[in-house]
C-alpha atoms as a PDB file:
ATOM      1  CA  MET A   1     -14.701 -25.952  -7.478  1.00  0.00           C
ATOM      2  CA  PRO A   2     -18.520 -27.079  -6.793  1.00  0.00           C
ATOM      3  CA  GLU A   3     -21.140 -25.602  -9.388  1.00  0.00           C
ATOM      4  CA  ALA A   4     -25.082 -24.679  -9.276  1.00  0.00           C
ATOM      5  CA  GLY A   5     -25.922 -28.120 -10.964  1.00  0.00           C
ATOM      6  CA  GLY A   6     -23.960 -30.471  -8.940  1.00  0.00           C
ATOM      7  CA  GLY A   7     -21.007 -30.300 -11.142  1.00  0.00           C
ATOM      8  CA  VAL A   8     -17.410 -29.811 -10.264  1.00  0.00           C
ATOM      9  CA  LYS A   9     -15.913 -26.807 -12.688  1.00  0.00           C
ATOM     10  CA  ASN A  10     -13.249 -28.449 -15.447  1.00  0.00           C
ATOM     11  CA  GLU A  11     -13.899 -31.963 -14.448  1.00  0.00           C
ATOM     12  CA  SER A  12     -13.217 -34.206 -17.181  1.00  0.00           C
ATOM     13  CA  ASP A  13     -16.004 -36.735 -18.739  1.00  0.00           C
ATOM     14  CA  GLN A  14     -14.458 -39.818 -16.388  1.00  0.00           C
ATOM     15  CA  GLU A  15     -14.250 -37.829 -13.452  1.00  0.00           C
ATOM     16  CA  ARG A  16     -17.618 -36.952 -13.574  1.00  0.00           C
ATOM     17  CA  ALA A  17     -18.621 -40.374 -14.299  1.00  0.00           C
ATOM     18  CA  ASP A  18     -16.817 -41.490 -11.398  1.00  0.00           C
ATOM     19  CA  ARG A  19     -18.408 -38.737  -9.186  1.00  0.00           C
ATOM     20  CA  ASN A  20     -21.672 -39.966 -10.683  1.00  0.00           C
ATOM     21  CA  PHE A  21     -21.423 -43.727 -10.418  1.00  0.00           C
ATOM     22  CA  VAL A  22     -20.280 -43.149  -6.248  1.00  0.00           C
ATOM     23  CA  GLU A  23     -23.090 -40.820  -5.794  1.00  0.00           C
ATOM     24  CA  LEU A  24     -25.749 -43.522  -7.603  1.00  0.00           C
ATOM     25  CA  LEU A  25     -23.895 -46.095  -5.223  1.00  0.00           C
ATOM     26  CA  GLN A  26     -24.236 -44.021  -1.889  1.00  0.00           C
ATOM     27  CA  GLY A  27     -28.055 -44.016  -2.591  1.00  0.00           C
ATOM     28  CA  ALA A  28     -28.410 -47.188  -3.340  1.00  0.00           C
ATOM     29  CA  ARG A  29     -26.517 -48.241   0.140  1.00  0.00           C
ATOM     30  CA  VAL A  30     -29.300 -46.472   2.138  1.00  0.00           C
ATOM     31  CA  ALA A  31     -31.984 -48.461   0.572  1.00  0.00           C
ATOM     32  CA  VAL A  32     -30.926 -51.499   0.000  1.00  0.00           C
ATOM     33  CA  THR A  33     -30.273 -52.298   3.636  1.00  0.00           C
ATOM     34  CA  GLY A  34     -33.872 -51.829   4.317  1.00  0.00           C
ATOM     35  CA  VAL A  35     -34.891 -54.113   0.913  1.00  0.00           C
ATOM     36  CA  GLN A  36     -32.300 -56.833   2.220  1.00  0.00           C
ATOM     37  CA  VAL A  37     -34.457 -56.199   5.449  1.00  0.00           C
ATOM     38  CA  LEU A  38     -37.761 -56.400   3.927  1.00  0.00           C
ATOM     39  CA  PHE A  39     -36.962 -59.554   1.980  1.00  0.00           C
ATOM     40  CA  ALA A  40     -35.315 -61.470   4.871  1.00  0.00           C
ATOM     41  CA  PHE A  41     -38.318 -61.193   7.057  1.00  0.00           C
ATOM     42  CA  LEU A  42     -40.710 -62.174   4.277  1.00  0.00           C
ATOM     43  CA  LEU A  43     -38.828 -64.829   3.529  1.00  0.00           C
ATOM     44  CA  THR A  44     -39.662 -66.520   7.579  1.00  0.00           C
ATOM     45  CA  VAL A  45     -43.415 -65.684   7.078  1.00  0.00           C
ATOM     46  CA  PRO A  46     -44.384 -68.265   5.625  1.00  0.00           C
ATOM     47  CA  PHE A  47     -43.020 -70.278   8.042  1.00  0.00           C
ATOM     48  CA  SER A  48     -44.618 -68.886  11.092  1.00  0.00           C
ATOM     49  CA  VAL A  49     -48.132 -70.592  12.653  1.00  0.00           C
ATOM     50  CA  GLY A  50     -50.376 -68.177  11.603  1.00  0.00           C
ATOM     51  CA  PHE A  51     -49.325 -67.985   8.250  1.00  0.00           C
ATOM     52  CA  GLY A  52     -51.766 -71.452   7.022  1.00  0.00           C
ATOM     53  CA  ARG A  53     -54.902 -69.254   7.668  1.00  0.00           C
ATOM     54  CA  LEU A  54     -54.438 -66.871   4.956  1.00  0.00           C
ATOM     55  CA  ASP A  55     -57.001 -67.245   2.375  1.00  0.00           C
ATOM     56  CA  PRO A  56     -56.013 -67.558  -1.329  1.00  0.00           C
ATOM     57  CA  PRO A  57     -55.989 -63.226  -2.344  1.00  0.00           C
ATOM     58  CA  ASP A  58     -53.935 -62.575   0.718  1.00  0.00           C
ATOM     59  CA  ARG A  59     -51.542 -65.402  -0.506  1.00  0.00           C
ATOM     60  CA  TRP A  60     -51.367 -63.680  -3.551  1.00  0.00           C
ATOM     61  CA  LEU A  61     -50.275 -60.362  -1.834  1.00  0.00           C
ATOM     62  CA  PHE A  62     -48.022 -62.148   0.226  1.00  0.00           C
ATOM     63  CA  TYR A  63     -46.519 -63.695  -3.011  1.00  0.00           C
ATOM     64  CA  LEU A  64     -46.279 -59.952  -5.229  1.00  0.00           C
ATOM     65  CA  ALA A  65     -45.161 -58.610  -1.621  1.00  0.00           C
ATOM     66  CA  LEU A  66     -42.033 -61.362  -1.536  1.00  0.00           C
ATOM     67  CA  VAL A  67     -40.999 -61.060  -5.251  1.00  0.00           C
ATOM     68  CA  SER A  68     -41.453 -57.122  -5.250  1.00  0.00           C
ATOM     69  CA  ALA A  69     -38.979 -57.329  -2.256  1.00  0.00           C
ATOM     70  CA  ALA A  70     -36.330 -59.637  -4.127  1.00  0.00           C
ATOM     71  CA  VAL A  71     -36.969 -57.542  -7.698  1.00  0.00           C
ATOM     72  CA  ALA A  72     -35.903 -54.036  -5.601  1.00  0.00           C
ATOM     73  CA  SER A  73     -32.896 -56.420  -3.782  1.00  0.00           C
ATOM     74  CA  ILE A  74     -31.833 -58.000  -7.810  1.00  0.00           C
ATOM     75  CA  CYS A  75     -31.684 -54.057  -8.697  1.00  0.00           C
ATOM     76  CA  TYR A  76     -30.046 -52.444  -5.719  1.00  0.00           C
ATOM     77  CA  ILE A  77     -27.299 -54.725  -5.507  1.00  0.00           C
ATOM     78  CA  ALA A  78     -26.579 -54.607 -10.239  1.00  0.00           C
ATOM     79  CA  PRO A  79     -24.697 -51.800 -10.347  1.00  0.00           C
ATOM     80  CA  THR A  80     -21.938 -53.068  -7.483  1.00  0.00           C
ATOM     81  CA  ALA A  81     -22.017 -57.123  -9.666  1.00  0.00           C
ATOM     82  CA  GLN A  82     -21.482 -55.122 -12.755  1.00  0.00           C
ATOM     83  CA  HIS A  83     -19.242 -52.619 -11.684  1.00  0.00           C
ATOM     84  CA  ARG A  84     -16.918 -55.625 -10.652  1.00  0.00           C
ATOM     85  CA  VAL A  85     -17.680 -57.663 -14.683  1.00  0.00           C
ATOM     86  CA  LEU A  86     -16.369 -54.023 -16.011  1.00  0.00           C
ATOM     87  CA  PHE A  87     -14.025 -52.866 -13.781  1.00  0.00           C
ATOM     88  CA  ARG A  88     -11.341 -51.242 -16.134  1.00  0.00           C
ATOM     89  CA  GLN A  89     -13.187 -51.506 -18.569  1.00  0.00           C
ATOM     90  CA  GLY A  90     -13.784 -47.734 -20.005  1.00  0.00           C
ATOM     91  CA  ARG A  91     -17.462 -48.627 -19.372  1.00  0.00           C
ATOM     92  CA  LYS A  92     -18.426 -45.958 -16.801  1.00  0.00           C
ATOM     93  CA  GLU A  93     -20.791 -44.009 -18.309  1.00  0.00           C
ATOM     94  CA  THR A  94     -22.935 -46.899 -19.311  1.00  0.00           C
ATOM     95  CA  LEU A  95     -22.820 -48.112 -15.886  1.00  0.00           C
ATOM     96  CA  VAL A  96     -24.012 -44.975 -14.361  1.00  0.00           C
ATOM     97  CA  ARG A  97     -27.014 -44.472 -16.788  1.00  0.00           C
ATOM     98  CA  ARG A  98     -27.836 -48.579 -15.972  1.00  0.00           C
ATOM     99  CA  SER A  99     -27.347 -47.883 -12.512  1.00  0.00           C
ATOM    100  CA  ASN A 100     -29.746 -44.963 -12.434  1.00  0.00           C
ATOM    101  CA  LEU A 101     -32.312 -47.237 -14.268  1.00  0.00           C
ATOM    102  CA  TYR A 102     -32.206 -50.280 -11.646  1.00  0.00           C
ATOM    103  CA  GLY A 103     -32.362 -47.752  -8.984  1.00  0.00           C
ATOM    104  CA  ILE A 104     -35.680 -46.762 -10.203  1.00  0.00           C
ATOM    105  CA  VAL A 105     -36.918 -50.061 -10.986  1.00  0.00           C
ATOM    106  CA  GLY A 106     -35.342 -50.847  -7.877  1.00  0.00           C
ATOM    107  CA  ALA A 107     -37.871 -48.256  -6.014  1.00  0.00           C
ATOM    108  CA  LEU A 108     -40.841 -48.714  -7.483  1.00  0.00           C
ATOM    109  CA  ALA A 109     -40.421 -52.570  -6.928  1.00  0.00           C
ATOM    110  CA  LEU A 110     -39.956 -51.346  -3.244  1.00  0.00           C
ATOM    111  CA  ALA A 111     -42.898 -49.226  -3.174  1.00  0.00           C
ATOM    112  CA  VAL A 112     -44.834 -52.441  -4.686  1.00  0.00           C
ATOM    113  CA  SER A 113     -43.487 -54.278  -1.540  1.00  0.00           C
ATOM    114  CA  MET A 114     -43.941 -51.802   1.366  1.00  0.00           C
ATOM    115  CA  ALA A 115     -47.219 -51.484   0.049  1.00  0.00           C
ATOM    116  CA  THR A 116     -48.664 -55.523  -0.146  1.00  0.00           C
ATOM    117  CA  ALA A 117     -46.945 -55.998   2.571  1.00  0.00           C
ATOM    118  CA  THR A 118     -48.773 -53.610   4.854  1.00  0.00           C
ATOM    119  CA  MET A 119     -51.826 -54.768   3.072  1.00  0.00           C
ATOM    120  CA  LEU A 120     -51.297 -57.861   3.665  1.00  0.00           C
ATOM    121  CA  VAL A 121     -50.785 -57.514   7.304  1.00  0.00           C
ATOM    122  CA  ILE A 122     -53.766 -54.953   7.908  1.00  0.00           C
ATOM    123  CA  ASP A 123     -55.933 -57.347   5.588  1.00  0.00           C
ATOM    124  CA  TYR A 124     -55.315 -59.957   8.438  1.00  0.00           C
ATOM    125  CA  LEU A 125     -55.640 -57.628  10.861  1.00  0.00           C
ATOM    126  CA  PHE A 126     -58.941 -55.603  10.814  1.00  0.00           C
ATOM    127  CA  GLY A 127     -60.135 -56.886   6.890  1.00  0.00           C
ATOM    128  CA  PRO A 128     -59.514 -55.895   3.413  1.00  0.00           C
ATOM    129  CA  ALA A 129     -61.113 -52.364   3.412  1.00  0.00           C
ATOM    130  CA  LEU A 130     -59.214 -51.310   5.674  1.00  0.00           C
ATOM    131  CA  GLY A 131     -55.628 -52.957   4.111  1.00  0.00           C
ATOM    132  CA  TRP A 132     -56.538 -52.095   0.496  1.00  0.00           C
ATOM    133  CA  THR A 133     -56.898 -48.466   1.690  1.00  0.00           C
ATOM    134  CA  THR A 134     -53.579 -48.287   4.049  1.00  0.00           C
ATOM    135  CA  GLY A 135     -51.972 -50.247   0.853  1.00  0.00           C
ATOM    136  CA  GLY A 136     -53.384 -47.551  -1.927  1.00  0.00           C
ATOM    137  CA  ILE A 137     -52.438 -44.351   0.712  1.00  0.00           C
ATOM    138  CA  LEU A 138     -49.018 -45.751   0.961  1.00  0.00           C
ATOM    139  CA  ALA A 139     -48.458 -46.605  -2.700  1.00  0.00           C
ATOM    140  CA  ALA A 140     -49.289 -42.949  -3.354  1.00  0.00           C
ATOM    141  CA  LEU A 141     -47.251 -41.819  -0.577  1.00  0.00           C
ATOM    142  CA  ALA A 142     -43.862 -43.831  -1.880  1.00  0.00           C
ATOM    143  CA  LEU A 143     -44.762 -42.703  -5.756  1.00  0.00           C
ATOM    144  CA  TRP A 144     -45.653 -39.123  -4.472  1.00  0.00           C
ATOM    145  CA  THR A 145     -42.383 -38.654  -2.792  1.00  0.00           C
ATOM    146  CA  TRP A 146     -39.987 -40.715  -4.807  1.00  0.00           C
ATOM    147  CA  PHE A 147     -40.993 -39.689  -7.910  1.00  0.00           C
ATOM    148  CA  GLY A 148     -44.031 -37.299  -8.046  1.00  0.00           C
ATOM    149  CA  GLN A 149     -42.179 -34.196  -6.511  1.00  0.00           C
ATOM    150  CA  ALA A 150     -38.581 -34.917  -8.658  1.00  0.00           C
ATOM    151  CA  ALA A 151     -41.087 -35.164 -11.797  1.00  0.00           C
ATOM    152  CA  LEU A 152     -42.257 -31.793 -10.785  1.00  0.00           C
ATOM    153  CA  ASN A 153     -38.561 -30.479  -9.712  1.00  0.00           C
ATOM    154  CA  ARG A 154     -37.784 -31.455 -13.236  1.00  0.00           C
ATOM    155  CA  SER A 155     -40.956 -29.649 -15.139  1.00  0.00           C
ATOM    156  CA  ASP A 156     -39.859 -26.611 -12.802  1.00  0.00           C
ATOM    157  CA  ASP A 157     -36.384 -26.249 -14.950  1.00  0.00           C
ATOM    158  CA  GLN A 158     -37.764 -25.357 -18.460  1.00  0.00           C
ATOM    159  CA  SER A 159     -38.384 -21.627 -18.897  1.00  0.00           C
ATOM    160  CA  SER A 160     -41.070 -20.046 -20.075  1.00  0.00           C
ATOM    161  CA  ASP A 161     -39.825 -20.319 -23.618  1.00  0.00           C
ATOM    162  CA  GLY A 162     -39.712 -24.334 -23.394  1.00  0.00           C
ATOM    163  CA  SER A 163     -35.813 -24.375 -23.429  1.00  0.00           C
ATOM    164  CA  SER A 164     -34.603 -26.079 -20.692  1.00  0.00           C
ATOM    165  CA  VAL A 165     -32.804 -23.611 -18.323  1.00  0.00           C
ATOM    166  CA  SER A 166     -30.131 -25.829 -16.218  1.00  0.00           C
ATOM    167  CA  SER A 167     -29.183 -27.975 -19.106  1.00  0.00           C
ATOM    168  CA  SER A 168     -25.421 -27.430 -19.002  1.00  0.00           C
ATOM    169  CA  ALA A 169     -25.755 -27.997 -15.191  1.00  0.00           C
ATOM    170  CA  ARG A 170     -27.856 -31.412 -16.137  1.00  0.00           C
ATOM    171  CA  SER A 171     -24.967 -32.383 -18.074  1.00  0.00           C
ATOM    172  CA  ARG A 172     -22.192 -32.043 -15.935  1.00  0.00           C
ATOM    173  CA  GLU A 173     -24.808 -34.946 -13.651  1.00  0.00           C
END
C-alpha cells in the first residue's frame, strides 16, 4: 500500500532499494535519450562547412558543450553498467546512492552542454552579447527548474522547530 512519502508500507530495505533503483533508472531513461541526441549532433558539427570559420572563443564553447555532453552521457549510463557488474552482489543500496549522485552530476553537465551549445549557435548567428545572455538565461532556468525548486521543497519539509516533518517518509525513499 503506498504511503504519503512515496514509500510502500512494510517494504523491506531490499524492496525499497529495488524500487528506488527502478525509479532512478526510469528518470535516467528520459534524460539519456536527449543527452545522446545532443552528443551525437555535437560530434558531427566539426565536419560541417562553417565550423572552420569559428574563432577561438567559439571553439572553446564548442569544446565545453561537447565534453559536458560526454560527461552527462557517462553519468546517465553509469548506473546501468554498474548494475551489470554488481548484479546479485547485495549492493543495491550503494548503487542507489551512487546512481542518485550520477544523476545530479549528469543533469549539471547536461545544463552546461545545452547552455554552451546554444551560446555557440546564438553567438555565431547574432554575436557574443546575445549569445552569452541567452546561454546565461538558459543555464539559470535549468538550475532553477531542475535544482532550485526542489531545494526549496526540501527546506519546506522543515517544521518551525527545525525538525524534519517527513523524516520517516524520506527514510523510505
